[in-house]
Structure formats: structure tokens, C-alpha cells
Amino acid sequence: FCGMPAENRRRLTRSVKVPALDSHIIKQQLVIKITEPMAQDLWDWLVLMGWREIDMKSNRRKVRKLGNDAFAKIAQADSSSREDAYRELLK
């Protein structure tokens, strides 16, 4: 890390591993708990939207946890209505 430019150290790595059940994902200060198994295409879409997995035990930032039904609403939406379900959650 010492000789690496700061921009490269701060850059998010693309996560290819789907988060496990009961883990959490974060985007800015919003956190969603994974309450059901996630398909790889849904995780790829969430990563493109800026979400990443977070360890809540070591998290010190102030966050706003979305309800336990938040992930289910996105996961149960088909790919054509996923964007609408996502926008509805962020309101």
C-alpha cells in the first residue's frame, strides 16, 4: 500500500462473490440486510448501482438501515421492474 497512489487504494474492488444470507450491503449511508438467497445477476446489478458488502460488526459509520423487507422487494421483482422497486425503496 505504501507506494500505491491514494486513488488506487480508495477505488472499490468489484465484488464477484454474492453476499451470504444475513449479511449486509451498503451504498453511501444506506444499509440493506440480505434476507433471502441472491441470484448472481441481481448482485451484478446492485454492484453496478454502487452497492457493496459491509461487515456491520466493524462498521463505525452512521448508517440508515432499510427495513428487513427491503431486500425481498428488490429480489422478488423481475429484471424489468427491478428499477421501479429500487426507486420506491429509496424514497
N, C-alpha and C. Protein backbone atom coordinates (compact mmCIF):
# COMPACT_ATOMS: atom_id res chain seq x y z
N PHE A 1 0.81 -1.20 0.00
CA PHE A 1 0.00 0.00 0.00
C PHE A 1 0.85 1.26 0.00
N CYS A 2 2.02 1.21 0.59
CA CYS A 2 2.82 2.41 0.78
C CYS A 2 3.13 3.13 -0.52
N GLY A 3 3.53 2.39 -1.55
CA GLY A 3 3.91 3.03 -2.80
C GLY A 3 2.74 3.22 -3.76
N MET A 4 1.55 2.81 -3.36
CA MET A 4 0.39 2.87 -4.23
C MET A 4 -0.28 4.25 -4.13
N PRO A 5 -0.63 4.87 -5.27
CA PRO A 5 -1.32 6.16 -5.22
C PRO A 5 -2.65 6.05 -4.45
N ALA A 6 -3.03 7.14 -3.78
CA ALA A 6 -4.23 7.16 -2.95
C ALA A 6 -5.48 6.79 -3.75
N GLU A 7 -5.56 7.23 -5.01
CA GLU A 7 -6.76 6.92 -5.81
C GLU A 7 -6.93 5.41 -5.96
N ASN A 8 -5.84 4.70 -6.14
CA ASN A 8 -5.92 3.26 -6.30
C ASN A 8 -6.28 2.56 -5.00
N ARG A 9 -5.83 3.08 -3.88
CA ARG A 9 -6.18 2.47 -2.59
C ARG A 9 -7.65 2.66 -2.27
N ARG A 10 -8.22 3.78 -2.67
CA ARG A 10 -9.62 4.09 -2.36
C ARG A 10 -10.59 3.47 -3.33
N ARG A 11 -10.12 3.07 -4.49
CA ARG A 11 -11.02 2.53 -5.51
C ARG A 11 -11.68 1.25 -5.01
N LEU A 12 -12.99 1.15 -5.21
CA LEU A 12 -13.71 -0.05 -4.80
C LEU A 12 -13.37 -1.20 -5.73
N THR A 13 -13.16 -2.36 -5.15
CA THR A 13 -12.93 -3.53 -5.97
C THR A 13 -14.28 -4.12 -6.34
N ARG A 14 -14.35 -4.69 -7.51
CA ARG A 14 -15.60 -5.30 -7.95
C ARG A 14 -15.76 -6.63 -7.24
N SER A 15 -16.84 -6.77 -6.54
CA SER A 15 -17.10 -8.00 -5.80
C SER A 15 -17.86 -8.97 -6.69
N VAL A 16 -17.30 -10.13 -6.91
CA VAL A 16 -17.96 -11.12 -7.74
C VAL A 16 -18.69 -12.15 -6.90
N LYS A 17 -18.33 -12.26 -5.63
CA LYS A 17 -18.97 -13.23 -4.75
C LYS A 17 -20.27 -12.65 -4.20
N VAL A 18 -21.34 -13.39 -4.38
CA VAL A 18 -22.65 -12.96 -3.90
C VAL A 18 -22.63 -12.98 -2.36
N PRO A 19 -23.10 -11.91 -1.73
CA PRO A 19 -23.14 -11.88 -0.25
C PRO A 19 -24.02 -12.99 0.31
N ALA A 20 -23.62 -13.51 1.45
CA ALA A 20 -24.35 -14.60 2.11
C ALA A 20 -25.63 -14.09 2.76
N LEU A 21 -26.51 -15.00 3.04
CA LEU A 21 -27.73 -14.71 3.77
C LEU A 21 -27.37 -14.08 5.12
N ASP A 22 -28.13 -13.08 5.53
CA ASP A 22 -27.94 -12.34 6.79
C ASP A 22 -26.73 -11.40 6.79
N SER A 23 -26.07 -11.24 5.64
CA SER A 23 -25.00 -10.24 5.58
C SER A 23 -25.65 -8.90 5.20
N HIS A 24 -24.85 -7.87 5.10
CA HIS A 24 -25.36 -6.53 4.80
C HIS A 24 -24.64 -5.94 3.61
N ILE A 25 -25.36 -5.11 2.86
CA ILE A 25 -24.75 -4.36 1.77
C ILE A 25 -25.00 -2.87 2.03
N ILE A 26 -24.10 -2.04 1.51
CA ILE A 26 -24.17 -0.60 1.78
C ILE A 26 -23.95 0.20 0.51
N LYS A 27 -24.63 1.32 0.45
CA LYS A 27 -24.40 2.33 -0.58
C LYS A 27 -24.53 3.67 0.13
N GLN A 28 -23.44 4.41 0.18
CA GLN A 28 -23.36 5.66 0.94
C GLN A 28 -23.74 5.36 2.39
N GLN A 29 -24.84 5.90 2.91
CA GLN A 29 -25.21 5.62 4.30
C GLN A 29 -26.40 4.67 4.41
N LEU A 30 -26.84 4.09 3.31
CA LEU A 30 -27.97 3.17 3.34
C LEU A 30 -27.49 1.73 3.44
N VAL A 31 -28.11 0.96 4.32
CA VAL A 31 -27.73 -0.44 4.52
C VAL A 31 -28.96 -1.32 4.33
N ILE A 32 -28.76 -2.42 3.62
CA ILE A 32 -29.81 -3.42 3.42
C ILE A 32 -29.28 -4.75 3.93
N LYS A 33 -30.12 -5.45 4.69
CA LYS A 33 -29.77 -6.80 5.15
C LYS A 33 -30.25 -7.80 4.11
N ILE A 34 -29.39 -8.75 3.77
CA ILE A 34 -29.75 -9.79 2.80
C ILE A 34 -30.60 -10.83 3.54
N THR A 35 -31.88 -10.88 3.19
CA THR A 35 -32.82 -11.73 3.93
C THR A 35 -33.22 -12.99 3.18
N GLU A 36 -32.74 -13.13 1.95
CA GLU A 36 -33.01 -14.35 1.19
C GLU A 36 -31.88 -14.56 0.19
N PRO A 37 -31.75 -15.78 -0.34
CA PRO A 37 -30.65 -16.04 -1.28
C PRO A 37 -30.71 -15.08 -2.47
N MET A 38 -29.52 -14.69 -2.95
CA MET A 38 -29.44 -13.71 -4.03
C MET A 38 -28.86 -14.36 -5.29
N ALA A 39 -29.50 -14.09 -6.41
CA ALA A 39 -29.00 -14.57 -7.70
C ALA A 39 -27.80 -13.72 -8.12
N GLN A 40 -26.90 -14.31 -8.88
CA GLN A 40 -25.70 -13.60 -9.33
C GLN A 40 -26.06 -12.38 -10.17
N ASP A 41 -27.08 -12.48 -11.03
CA ASP A 41 -27.44 -11.33 -11.87
C ASP A 41 -27.95 -10.15 -11.02
N LEU A 42 -28.65 -10.44 -9.92
CA LEU A 42 -29.10 -9.36 -9.03
C LEU A 42 -27.90 -8.71 -8.35
N TRP A 43 -26.95 -9.50 -7.90
CA TRP A 43 -25.76 -8.94 -7.26
C TRP A 43 -24.97 -8.10 -8.26
N ASP A 44 -24.81 -8.58 -9.47
CA ASP A 44 -24.10 -7.81 -10.50
C ASP A 44 -24.78 -6.46 -10.71
N TRP A 45 -26.11 -6.46 -10.73
CA TRP A 45 -26.88 -5.23 -10.93
C TRP A 45 -26.68 -4.28 -9.74
N LEU A 46 -26.74 -4.82 -8.51
CA LEU A 46 -26.55 -4.00 -7.32
C LEU A 46 -25.14 -3.40 -7.28
N VAL A 47 -24.14 -4.17 -7.68
CA VAL A 47 -22.76 -3.66 -7.73
C VAL A 47 -22.68 -2.51 -8.72
N LEU A 48 -23.31 -2.65 -9.87
CA LEU A 48 -23.33 -1.56 -10.86
C LEU A 48 -24.02 -0.31 -10.30
N MET A 49 -24.98 -0.51 -9.40
CA MET A 49 -25.69 0.61 -8.79
C MET A 49 -24.87 1.24 -7.65
N GLY A 50 -23.74 0.61 -7.29
CA GLY A 50 -22.87 1.19 -6.27
C GLY A 50 -22.90 0.49 -4.92
N TRP A 51 -23.62 -0.61 -4.80
CA TRP A 51 -23.71 -1.33 -3.53
C TRP A 51 -22.49 -2.23 -3.37
N ARG A 52 -22.11 -2.46 -2.11
CA ARG A 52 -21.02 -3.38 -1.81
C ARG A 52 -21.31 -4.02 -0.45
N GLU A 53 -20.68 -5.15 -0.20
CA GLU A 53 -20.88 -5.84 1.07
C GLU A 53 -20.12 -5.12 2.18
N ILE A 54 -20.67 -5.15 3.38
CA ILE A 54 -20.05 -4.49 4.53
C ILE A 54 -20.16 -5.40 5.75
N ASP A 55 -19.13 -5.36 6.58
CA ASP A 55 -19.15 -6.08 7.85
C ASP A 55 -19.70 -5.11 8.89
N MET A 56 -20.91 -5.34 9.33
CA MET A 56 -21.55 -4.41 10.27
C MET A 56 -20.90 -4.44 11.65
N LYS A 57 -20.21 -5.52 12.00
CA LYS A 57 -19.56 -5.59 13.31
C LYS A 57 -18.44 -4.57 13.43
N SER A 58 -17.75 -4.33 12.32
CA SER A 58 -16.62 -3.40 12.38
C SER A 58 -16.97 -2.02 11.81
N ASN A 59 -18.22 -1.82 11.40
CA ASN A 59 -18.63 -0.55 10.83
C ASN A 59 -18.78 0.51 11.92
N ARG A 60 -18.17 1.67 11.71
CA ARG A 60 -18.26 2.75 12.70
C ARG A 60 -19.02 3.95 12.15
N ARG A 61 -19.38 3.88 10.87
CA ARG A 61 -20.09 5.00 10.26
C ARG A 61 -21.55 5.03 10.69
N LYS A 62 -22.13 6.23 10.64
CA LYS A 62 -23.56 6.35 10.88
C LYS A 62 -24.27 5.90 9.62
N VAL A 63 -25.18 4.97 9.77
CA VAL A 63 -25.90 4.43 8.62
C VAL A 63 -27.40 4.42 8.90
N ARG A 64 -28.15 4.31 7.84
CA ARG A 64 -29.60 4.16 7.97
C ARG A 64 -29.95 2.79 7.41
N LYS A 65 -30.42 1.91 8.29
CA LYS A 65 -30.79 0.56 7.86
C LYS A 65 -32.20 0.60 7.28
N LEU A 66 -32.33 0.06 6.08
CA LEU A 66 -33.65 -0.07 5.48
C LEU A 66 -34.33 -1.28 6.12
N GLY A 67 -35.64 -1.33 6.08
CA GLY A 67 -36.40 -2.41 6.72
C GLY A 67 -36.01 -3.79 6.22
N ASN A 68 -36.33 -4.81 7.02
CA ASN A 68 -35.99 -6.19 6.65
C ASN A 68 -36.68 -6.65 5.37
N ASP A 69 -37.75 -5.98 4.98
CA ASP A 69 -38.43 -6.36 3.74
C ASP A 69 -37.83 -5.68 2.51
N ALA A 70 -36.87 -4.78 2.71
CA ALA A 70 -36.29 -4.01 1.60
C ALA A 70 -35.63 -4.91 0.56
N PHE A 71 -34.80 -5.84 1.01
CA PHE A 71 -34.13 -6.70 0.05
C PHE A 71 -35.12 -7.59 -0.69
N ALA A 72 -36.11 -8.11 0.03
CA ALA A 72 -37.09 -9.00 -0.60
C ALA A 72 -37.83 -8.29 -1.73
N LYS A 73 -38.12 -7.01 -1.55
CA LYS A 73 -38.83 -6.26 -2.59
C LYS A 73 -38.01 -6.18 -3.87
N ILE A 74 -36.71 -5.99 -3.73
CA ILE A 74 -35.84 -5.93 -4.92
C ILE A 74 -35.64 -7.33 -5.49
N ALA A 75 -35.39 -8.30 -4.63
CA ALA A 75 -35.09 -9.66 -5.07
C ALA A 75 -36.28 -10.32 -5.77
N GLN A 76 -37.48 -10.02 -5.33
CA GLN A 76 -38.66 -10.65 -5.90
C GLN A 76 -39.16 -9.96 -7.17
N ALA A 77 -38.66 -8.77 -7.43
CA ALA A 77 -39.04 -8.07 -8.66
C ALA A 77 -38.31 -8.71 -9.85
N ASP A 78 -39.01 -8.85 -10.97
CA ASP A 78 -38.31 -9.37 -12.14
C ASP A 78 -37.41 -8.27 -12.69
N SER A 79 -36.52 -8.64 -13.59
CA SER A 79 -35.49 -7.70 -14.04
C SER A 79 -36.08 -6.45 -14.69
N SER A 80 -37.28 -6.54 -15.28
CA SER A 80 -37.88 -5.37 -15.92
C SER A 80 -38.47 -4.39 -14.91
N SER A 81 -38.90 -4.87 -13.74
CA SER A 81 -39.49 -3.98 -12.74
C SER A 81 -38.55 -3.74 -11.54
N ARG A 82 -37.35 -4.27 -11.61
CA ARG A 82 -36.37 -4.12 -10.52
C ARG A 82 -36.05 -2.66 -10.26
N GLU A 83 -35.87 -1.90 -11.33
CA GLU A 83 -35.52 -0.47 -11.20
C GLU A 83 -36.62 0.29 -10.45
N ASP A 84 -37.89 -0.02 -10.74
CA ASP A 84 -39.01 0.65 -10.07
C ASP A 84 -39.04 0.28 -8.58
N ALA A 85 -38.84 -0.99 -8.27
CA ALA A 85 -38.83 -1.43 -6.87
C ALA A 85 -37.68 -0.76 -6.11
N TYR A 86 -36.55 -0.62 -6.77
CA TYR A 86 -35.39 0.02 -6.17
C TYR A 86 -35.66 1.50 -5.89
N ARG A 87 -36.23 2.19 -6.85
CA ARG A 87 -36.55 3.61 -6.67
C ARG A 87 -37.54 3.81 -5.53
N GLU A 88 -38.50 2.92 -5.43
CA GLU A 88 -39.52 3.01 -4.38
C GLU A 88 -38.86 2.87 -2.99
N LEU A 89 -37.87 2.01 -2.86
CA LEU A 89 -37.17 1.84 -1.58
C LEU A 89 -36.41 3.09 -1.16
N LEU A 90 -35.86 3.79 -2.11
CA LEU A 90 -35.01 4.94 -1.79
C LEU A 90 -35.79 6.20 -1.48
N LYS A 91 -37.10 6.16 -1.59
CA LYS A 91 -37.92 7.34 -1.30
C LYS A 91 -37.93 7.63 0.19
